[in-house]
Amino acid sequence: MITDAELARLYLSLEGVQLVRDLLTEDDEQIDGYDLDLLASLLSECSPEKCLLILACSAGVMCESLETDPGLKLSLKMLAGDVLDDYAPLYLSAQRARTENVFEGQIIYMQEDLEGFAELFALAGDLSVPDSMLYIVCSILSDQASAQADCLDDKETGINYALDTIQDNINSDPPSLIIFSDNVVPFPGLLRKN
């Protein structure tokens, strides 16, 4: 569980969170294209775990400062809380020690969390006024979460579920069916006796 002090430190250390807060809480109705481009580039250039933390903190800012659907607000808070509990302590300790983060074992879960944020921010955008600042910010957050999730498809998770060897039969007779490591059954004529 992340403490309030760690949460405050996280909010202050992530540039994208302050940008989202400024975009959503400014009274000025003019949309600043530079700030929107900056938000998109910040999210696209950071690592998946940092992007997840920015999305989680942005969801918290959105839930506190804006009136949104109660069910959507609850879903955003729950996903944001789970993400902060899972990734923030390791991120903050690596930042304090100035070492590289090691999240390789969590790539599968990162992808699910990113996809969840993509769906929830897309829904928040759909429920808002078209072309409003909330709509545009939610579109950027949703698109970047989806892009980061797609990027994780290409990464190696380090888990190999395939069988390494051919399974041996208990009898000394040669097996009539060989199961290969990829669960491929050979063509029947392949193992014909001469």
Protein backbone atom coordinates (compact mmCIF):
# COMPACT_ATOMS: atom_id res chain seq x y z
CA MET A 1 0.00 0.00 0.00
CA ILE A 2 1.39 3.37 -0.99
CA THR A 3 1.54 6.05 1.71
CA ASP A 4 0.30 9.62 1.33
CA ALA A 5 3.88 10.95 1.35
CA GLU A 6 4.88 8.53 -1.42
CA LEU A 7 1.79 9.47 -3.40
CA ALA A 8 2.62 13.18 -3.09
CA ARG A 9 6.19 12.51 -4.18
CA LEU A 10 4.93 10.53 -7.13
CA TYR A 11 2.51 13.28 -8.21
CA LEU A 12 5.31 15.85 -8.05
CA SER A 13 7.87 13.71 -9.90
CA LEU A 14 5.70 12.88 -12.92
CA GLU A 15 5.56 15.79 -15.38
CA GLY A 16 2.47 14.60 -17.22
CA VAL A 17 0.27 14.67 -14.11
CA GLN A 18 0.68 18.42 -13.54
CA LEU A 19 0.02 19.00 -17.23
CA VAL A 20 -3.24 17.02 -17.10
CA ARG A 21 -4.30 18.90 -13.97
CA ASP A 22 -3.55 22.26 -15.59
CA LEU A 23 -5.41 21.35 -18.78
CA LEU A 24 -8.49 20.14 -16.91
CA THR A 25 -8.71 22.88 -14.28
CA GLU A 26 -7.84 26.01 -16.26
CA ASP A 27 -10.73 28.41 -16.69
CA ASP A 28 -9.43 29.51 -20.07
CA GLU A 29 -11.60 27.92 -22.77
CA GLN A 30 -8.90 28.17 -25.43
CA ILE A 31 -7.25 24.88 -26.20
CA ASP A 32 -3.48 25.16 -26.25
CA GLY A 33 -2.20 22.82 -28.95
CA TYR A 34 1.34 22.97 -27.58
CA ASP A 35 0.29 21.59 -24.18
CA LEU A 36 -1.74 18.82 -25.81
CA ASP A 37 1.19 17.85 -28.05
CA LEU A 38 3.48 17.93 -25.02
CA LEU A 39 1.16 15.56 -23.12
CA ALA A 40 1.02 13.13 -26.04
CA SER A 41 4.81 13.16 -26.49
CA LEU A 42 5.45 12.73 -22.74
CA LEU A 43 3.27 9.63 -22.66
CA SER A 44 4.63 8.16 -25.88
CA GLU A 45 8.29 8.59 -24.96
CA CYS A 46 8.17 7.19 -21.42
CA SER A 47 8.43 3.56 -20.36
CA PRO A 48 5.23 1.50 -19.93
CA GLU A 49 5.45 1.51 -16.11
CA LYS A 50 5.92 5.29 -15.99
CA CYS A 51 3.06 5.73 -18.45
CA LEU A 52 0.88 3.57 -16.18
CA LEU A 53 1.74 5.74 -13.18
CA ILE A 54 0.97 8.95 -15.11
CA LEU A 55 -2.36 7.47 -16.22
CA ALA A 56 -3.21 6.41 -12.66
CA CYS A 57 -2.40 9.85 -11.24
CA SER A 58 -4.29 11.52 -14.10
CA ALA A 59 -7.31 9.36 -13.30
CA GLY A 60 -7.10 10.56 -9.69
CA VAL A 61 -6.93 14.20 -10.83
CA MET A 62 -9.90 13.67 -13.13
CA CYS A 63 -12.01 12.04 -10.43
CA GLU A 64 -11.26 14.81 -7.91
CA SER A 65 -11.65 17.85 -10.12
CA LEU A 66 -14.45 16.94 -12.52
CA GLU A 67 -18.00 15.72 -12.35
CA THR A 68 -18.16 12.42 -14.19
CA ASP A 69 -20.39 9.36 -14.12
CA PRO A 70 -20.25 7.76 -10.62
CA GLY A 71 -19.71 4.24 -12.01
CA LEU A 72 -16.90 5.44 -14.26
CA LYS A 73 -15.36 7.40 -11.41
CA LEU A 74 -15.39 4.29 -9.20
CA SER A 75 -13.81 2.17 -11.95
CA LEU A 76 -11.08 4.75 -12.55
CA LYS A 77 -10.33 5.01 -8.82
CA MET A 78 -10.15 1.25 -8.40
CA LEU A 79 -7.83 0.71 -11.37
CA ALA A 80 -5.68 3.70 -10.39
CA GLY A 81 -5.39 2.41 -6.81
CA ASP A 82 -4.35 -1.05 -7.99
CA VAL A 83 -1.76 0.38 -10.38
CA LEU A 84 -0.32 2.70 -7.74
CA ASP A 85 -0.06 -0.14 -5.21
CA ASP A 86 1.60 -2.44 -7.76
CA TYR A 87 4.09 -0.12 -9.47
CA ALA A 88 4.67 3.03 -7.40
CA PRO A 89 6.82 1.55 -4.58
CA LEU A 90 9.27 -0.08 -7.00
CA TYR A 91 9.35 3.03 -9.20
CA LEU A 92 9.98 5.35 -6.23
CA SER A 93 12.67 3.12 -4.72
CA ALA A 94 14.45 2.89 -8.09
CA GLN A 95 14.18 6.66 -8.47
CA ARG A 96 15.62 7.21 -5.00
CA ALA A 97 18.48 4.77 -5.63
CA ARG A 98 18.92 6.05 -9.20
CA THR A 99 18.85 2.57 -10.64
CA GLU A 100 16.95 1.15 -13.56
CA ASN A 101 13.47 -0.22 -12.87
CA VAL A 102 13.00 -3.99 -13.16
CA PHE A 103 9.41 -4.68 -14.15
CA GLU A 104 10.01 -7.57 -16.58
CA GLY A 105 7.95 -10.06 -14.60
CA GLN A 106 4.93 -7.74 -14.67
CA ILE A 107 4.71 -7.13 -18.41
CA ILE A 108 1.60 -9.30 -18.75
CA TYR A 109 -0.19 -7.33 -16.04
CA MET A 110 1.02 -3.99 -17.40
CA GLN A 111 -0.63 -4.72 -20.70
CA GLU A 112 -3.95 -5.52 -19.01
CA ASP A 113 -3.75 -2.35 -16.91
CA LEU A 114 -2.93 -0.21 -19.95
CA GLU A 115 -5.83 -1.71 -21.88
CA GLY A 116 -8.12 -1.03 -18.91
CA PHE A 117 -7.08 2.62 -18.81
CA ALA A 118 -7.53 2.89 -22.59
CA GLU A 119 -11.13 1.69 -22.30
CA LEU A 120 -11.99 3.81 -19.26
CA PHE A 121 -10.53 7.03 -20.67
CA ALA A 122 -12.29 6.38 -24.00
CA LEU A 123 -15.56 5.97 -22.10
CA ALA A 124 -14.90 9.17 -20.12
CA GLY A 125 -14.31 11.00 -23.39
CA ASP A 126 -17.53 9.60 -24.88
CA LEU A 127 -19.51 10.77 -21.83
CA SER A 128 -18.10 14.31 -21.99
CA VAL A 129 -19.04 17.22 -24.24
CA PRO A 130 -17.52 16.71 -27.72
CA ASP A 131 -14.48 18.90 -28.44
CA SER A 132 -14.23 20.00 -24.80
CA MET A 133 -10.88 19.94 -23.01
CA LEU A 134 -11.95 16.83 -21.07
CA TYR A 135 -12.84 15.07 -24.33
CA ILE A 136 -9.49 15.91 -25.93
CA VAL A 137 -7.40 15.00 -22.86
CA CYS A 138 -9.26 11.70 -22.45
CA SER A 139 -8.68 10.92 -26.13
CA ILE A 140 -4.95 11.51 -25.74
CA LEU A 141 -4.77 9.41 -22.57
CA SER A 142 -6.77 6.59 -24.16
CA ASP A 143 -4.75 6.58 -27.39
CA GLN A 144 -1.41 6.58 -25.57
CA ALA A 145 -2.49 3.80 -23.18
CA SER A 146 -3.59 1.71 -26.14
CA ALA A 147 -0.32 2.38 -28.01
CA GLN A 148 1.77 1.40 -24.97
CA ALA A 149 -0.26 -1.82 -24.58
CA ASP A 150 0.31 -2.66 -28.26
CA CYS A 151 4.03 -1.99 -27.82
CA LEU A 152 4.18 -4.57 -25.02
CA ASP A 153 2.96 -7.25 -27.47
CA ASP A 154 6.42 -7.23 -29.05
CA LYS A 155 8.33 -7.58 -25.77
CA GLU A 156 9.54 -10.92 -24.52
CA THR A 157 7.93 -11.80 -21.21
CA GLY A 158 10.64 -14.25 -20.23
CA ILE A 159 8.12 -17.04 -19.64
CA ASN A 160 8.27 -20.15 -21.83
CA TYR A 161 5.23 -22.37 -21.55
CA ALA A 162 6.31 -24.85 -24.27
CA LEU A 163 7.60 -28.32 -23.51
CA ASP A 164 11.32 -28.60 -24.09
CA THR A 165 11.60 -32.31 -24.81
CA ILE A 166 9.62 -35.05 -26.46
CA GLN A 167 7.53 -36.90 -23.93
CA ASP A 168 8.71 -40.49 -23.45
CA ASN A 169 6.40 -43.45 -23.13
CA ILE A 170 6.72 -45.64 -20.02
CA ASN A 171 7.08 -48.83 -22.12
CA SER A 172 10.29 -49.66 -23.92
CA ASP A 173 8.38 -49.99 -27.21
CA PRO A 174 8.56 -47.00 -29.51
CA PRO A 175 5.58 -44.75 -29.09
CA SER A 176 2.89 -44.77 -31.71
CA LEU A 177 2.29 -41.05 -31.26
CA ILE A 178 4.89 -38.43 -30.51
CA ILE A 179 3.86 -35.14 -29.00
CA PHE A 180 6.22 -32.39 -30.07
CA SER A 181 6.98 -29.34 -27.93
CA ASP A 182 4.46 -27.12 -29.76
CA ASN A 183 1.61 -29.63 -29.35
CA VAL A 184 1.88 -30.56 -33.03
CA VAL A 185 0.75 -34.05 -34.01
CA PRO A 186 2.88 -35.39 -36.87
CA PHE A 187 1.41 -36.60 -40.12
CA PRO A 188 0.59 -40.36 -39.75
CA GLY A 189 3.00 -41.49 -42.49
CA LEU A 190 5.92 -39.66 -40.92
CA LEU A 191 6.71 -42.35 -38.36
CA ARG A 192 5.86 -45.44 -40.46
CA LYS A 193 8.03 -48.50 -39.82
CA ASN A 194 9.98 -49.89 -42.76
